[in-house]
Amino acid sequence: MALKRIKRSKFKVNTSKKGKIKRTFEGIIFDSDLELRYYRDHLLPLKESGNIKSIILQPKYLIQEKFSKFGKNMLPINYVADFKVEYTSGEILVVDVKGLPTPEAKIKRKLFDFKYPDLRLEWISFSAQDGGWISYDELVKLRAKRKREKKNKNGK
């Protein structure tokens, strides 16, 4: 019996019609199931309770302008986040939902922070073990702590 292969992107996202339907909510096709869950389960309740003024999907930020060098045109580099959230308090938060960031994403994050020092970019992850939605940076610290504790427990 032959196995049917599911069409996936280079980031292992199911790009088939069925996969897109699974990642669709209120007519919006999200890039990942994690992104959809963050929007549906975290952002929308905050908006409905009046804590969020607006949510912009897929905001694009220019982090390197286009240029030419030795007759070769170089394309601009953009950082496309998942959400731009404006709270009723006036705070603006740029959110990127991350499972495991690529090396390119880490570099773009540094470039974003340099180019937009007044904007707060937050990488958000989901960890059931750590209570749900959590900052990616905090998650990395908690995982490292657990790894150290496990290593100390095993006596290595």
Protein backbone atom coordinates (compact mmCIF):
# COMPACT_ATOMS: atom_id res chain seq x y z
CA MET A 1 0.00 0.00 0.00
CA ALA A 2 1.46 3.36 -1.05
CA LEU A 3 1.45 6.24 1.39
CA LYS A 4 -0.07 9.50 0.21
CA ARG A 5 2.34 12.38 0.73
CA ILE A 6 0.97 15.61 2.11
CA LYS A 7 2.18 18.71 0.30
CA ARG A 8 4.23 20.76 2.78
CA SER A 9 6.26 23.95 2.68
CA LYS A 10 9.93 24.09 3.62
CA PHE A 11 8.76 24.92 7.17
CA LYS A 12 6.69 21.70 7.31
CA VAL A 13 3.35 23.55 6.99
CA ASN A 14 0.65 21.55 5.25
CA THR A 15 -0.01 23.56 2.04
CA SER A 16 -2.69 21.27 0.65
CA LYS A 17 -6.27 22.49 0.31
CA LYS A 18 -7.24 20.49 3.40
CA GLY A 19 -4.32 21.99 5.34
CA LYS A 20 -5.36 25.52 4.37
CA ILE A 21 -8.93 24.83 5.46
CA LYS A 22 -7.63 23.58 8.82
CA ARG A 23 -5.69 26.85 9.27
CA THR A 24 -8.63 29.07 8.29
CA PHE A 25 -10.58 31.08 10.85
CA GLU A 26 -13.19 33.75 10.05
CA GLY A 27 -12.04 33.68 6.42
CA ILE A 28 -8.38 34.28 7.30
CA ILE A 29 -5.82 31.66 6.23
CA PHE A 30 -3.02 31.61 8.78
CA ASP A 31 0.53 30.47 8.03
CA SER A 32 0.47 27.95 10.85
CA ASP A 33 -1.92 26.28 13.27
CA LEU A 34 0.02 27.87 16.15
CA GLU A 35 -0.55 31.35 14.69
CA LEU A 36 -4.28 30.64 14.28
CA ARG A 37 -4.55 29.41 17.88
CA TYR A 38 -2.78 32.51 19.24
CA TYR A 39 -5.15 34.79 17.30
CA ARG A 40 -8.31 32.85 18.18
CA ASP A 41 -7.53 31.85 21.77
CA HIS A 42 -5.47 34.80 23.02
CA LEU A 43 -5.90 37.97 20.94
CA LEU A 44 -9.62 37.80 20.11
CA PRO A 45 -10.75 37.37 23.75
CA LEU A 46 -8.60 40.40 24.69
CA LYS A 47 -10.16 42.40 21.86
CA GLU A 48 -13.68 41.35 22.84
CA SER A 49 -13.02 42.35 26.46
CA GLY A 50 -11.95 45.82 25.30
CA ASN A 51 -8.23 45.53 26.11
CA ILE A 52 -7.14 45.62 22.46
CA LYS A 53 -7.98 48.51 20.13
CA SER A 54 -6.80 46.91 16.87
CA ILE A 55 -5.06 43.85 15.44
CA ILE A 56 -3.22 44.08 12.13
CA LEU A 57 -2.29 40.80 10.43
CA GLN A 58 1.06 40.33 8.67
CA PRO A 59 2.50 43.84 9.19
CA LYS A 60 5.59 44.43 7.06
CA TYR A 61 8.62 46.39 8.27
CA LEU A 62 11.48 47.45 6.01
CA ILE A 63 14.77 46.53 7.70
CA GLN A 64 17.15 47.02 4.75
CA GLU A 65 16.48 49.32 1.81
CA LYS A 66 17.09 48.16 -1.75
CA PHE A 67 20.41 49.20 -3.25
CA SER A 68 22.71 48.64 -6.19
CA LYS A 69 26.31 47.47 -6.08
CA PHE A 70 28.57 47.00 -9.11
CA GLY A 71 25.51 47.17 -11.36
CA LYS A 72 23.63 44.47 -9.46
CA ASN A 73 20.33 45.41 -7.83
CA MET A 74 19.77 44.09 -4.32
CA LEU A 75 16.20 43.62 -3.14
CA PRO A 76 15.02 45.15 0.12
CA ILE A 77 14.79 42.99 3.24
CA ASN A 78 11.51 43.06 5.12
CA TYR A 79 10.46 41.66 8.47
CA VAL A 80 6.91 40.35 8.23
CA ALA A 81 5.52 39.76 11.70
CA ASP A 82 2.36 37.81 12.46
CA PHE A 83 0.49 40.58 14.27
CA LYS A 84 0.67 44.23 15.23
CA VAL A 85 -1.44 44.73 18.34
CA GLU A 86 -2.51 48.14 19.61
CA TYR A 87 -3.79 48.04 23.17
CA THR A 88 -6.32 50.52 24.51
CA SER A 89 -3.56 51.79 26.82
CA GLY A 90 -1.71 53.01 23.70
CA GLU A 91 0.99 50.33 23.86
CA ILE A 92 1.90 48.81 20.50
CA LEU A 93 3.26 45.28 20.38
CA VAL A 94 4.61 43.52 17.29
CA VAL A 95 4.06 39.77 17.74
CA ASP A 96 5.64 36.82 15.96
CA VAL A 97 4.42 33.36 16.95
CA LYS A 98 7.38 30.99 16.91
CA GLY A 99 7.83 27.28 17.28
CA LEU A 100 11.50 27.05 16.45
CA PRO A 101 13.07 30.13 14.86
CA THR A 102 15.42 29.77 11.92
CA PRO A 103 18.88 31.39 11.92
CA GLU A 104 17.53 33.89 9.36
CA ALA A 105 14.68 34.82 11.72
CA LYS A 106 17.16 35.47 14.52
CA ILE A 107 19.20 37.80 12.30
CA LYS A 108 16.08 39.61 11.07
CA ARG A 109 14.97 40.07 14.69
CA LYS A 110 18.27 41.81 15.50
CA LEU A 111 17.95 44.01 12.41
CA PHE A 112 14.35 44.87 13.35
CA ASP A 113 15.38 45.81 16.90
CA PHE A 114 18.16 48.03 15.53
CA LYS A 115 15.98 49.74 12.90
CA TYR A 116 12.90 50.15 15.12
CA PRO A 117 14.19 50.78 18.68
CA ASP A 118 10.86 52.26 19.82
CA LEU A 119 8.77 49.24 18.74
CA ARG A 120 8.57 46.18 20.96
CA LEU A 121 8.89 42.91 19.05
CA GLU A 122 7.84 39.87 21.05
CA TRP A 123 8.31 36.27 19.94
CA ILE A 124 5.57 34.14 21.48
CA SER A 125 5.55 30.34 21.84
CA PHE A 126 3.16 27.82 23.30
CA SER A 127 4.32 25.47 26.02
CA ALA A 128 1.74 23.37 27.85
CA GLN A 129 4.45 22.43 30.35
CA ASP A 130 4.99 26.12 31.19
CA GLY A 131 1.35 27.18 31.34
CA GLY A 132 0.45 28.11 27.76
CA TRP A 133 1.48 31.21 25.81
CA ILE A 134 4.91 32.38 26.84
CA SER A 135 7.65 34.65 25.54
CA TYR A 136 10.08 32.65 23.40
CA ASP A 137 13.02 34.16 25.31
CA GLU A 138 11.49 33.05 28.63
CA LEU A 139 10.81 29.59 27.20
CA VAL A 140 14.47 29.21 26.19
CA LYS A 141 15.53 30.10 29.75
CA LEU A 142 13.06 27.63 31.31
CA ARG A 143 14.18 24.82 28.99
CA ALA A 144 17.83 25.49 29.81
CA LYS A 145 17.00 25.45 33.53
CA ARG A 146 15.19 22.10 33.19
CA LYS A 147 18.13 20.70 31.23
CA ARG A 148 20.59 21.80 33.96
CA GLU A 149 18.37 20.33 36.68
CA LYS A 150 18.07 17.04 34.81
CA LYS A 151 21.84 16.94 34.29
CA ASN A 152 22.47 17.63 37.99
CA LYS A 153 19.89 15.02 39.01
CA ASN A 154 21.56 12.38 36.86
CA GLY A 155 24.95 13.36 38.26
CA LYS A 156 26.60 14.20 34.96
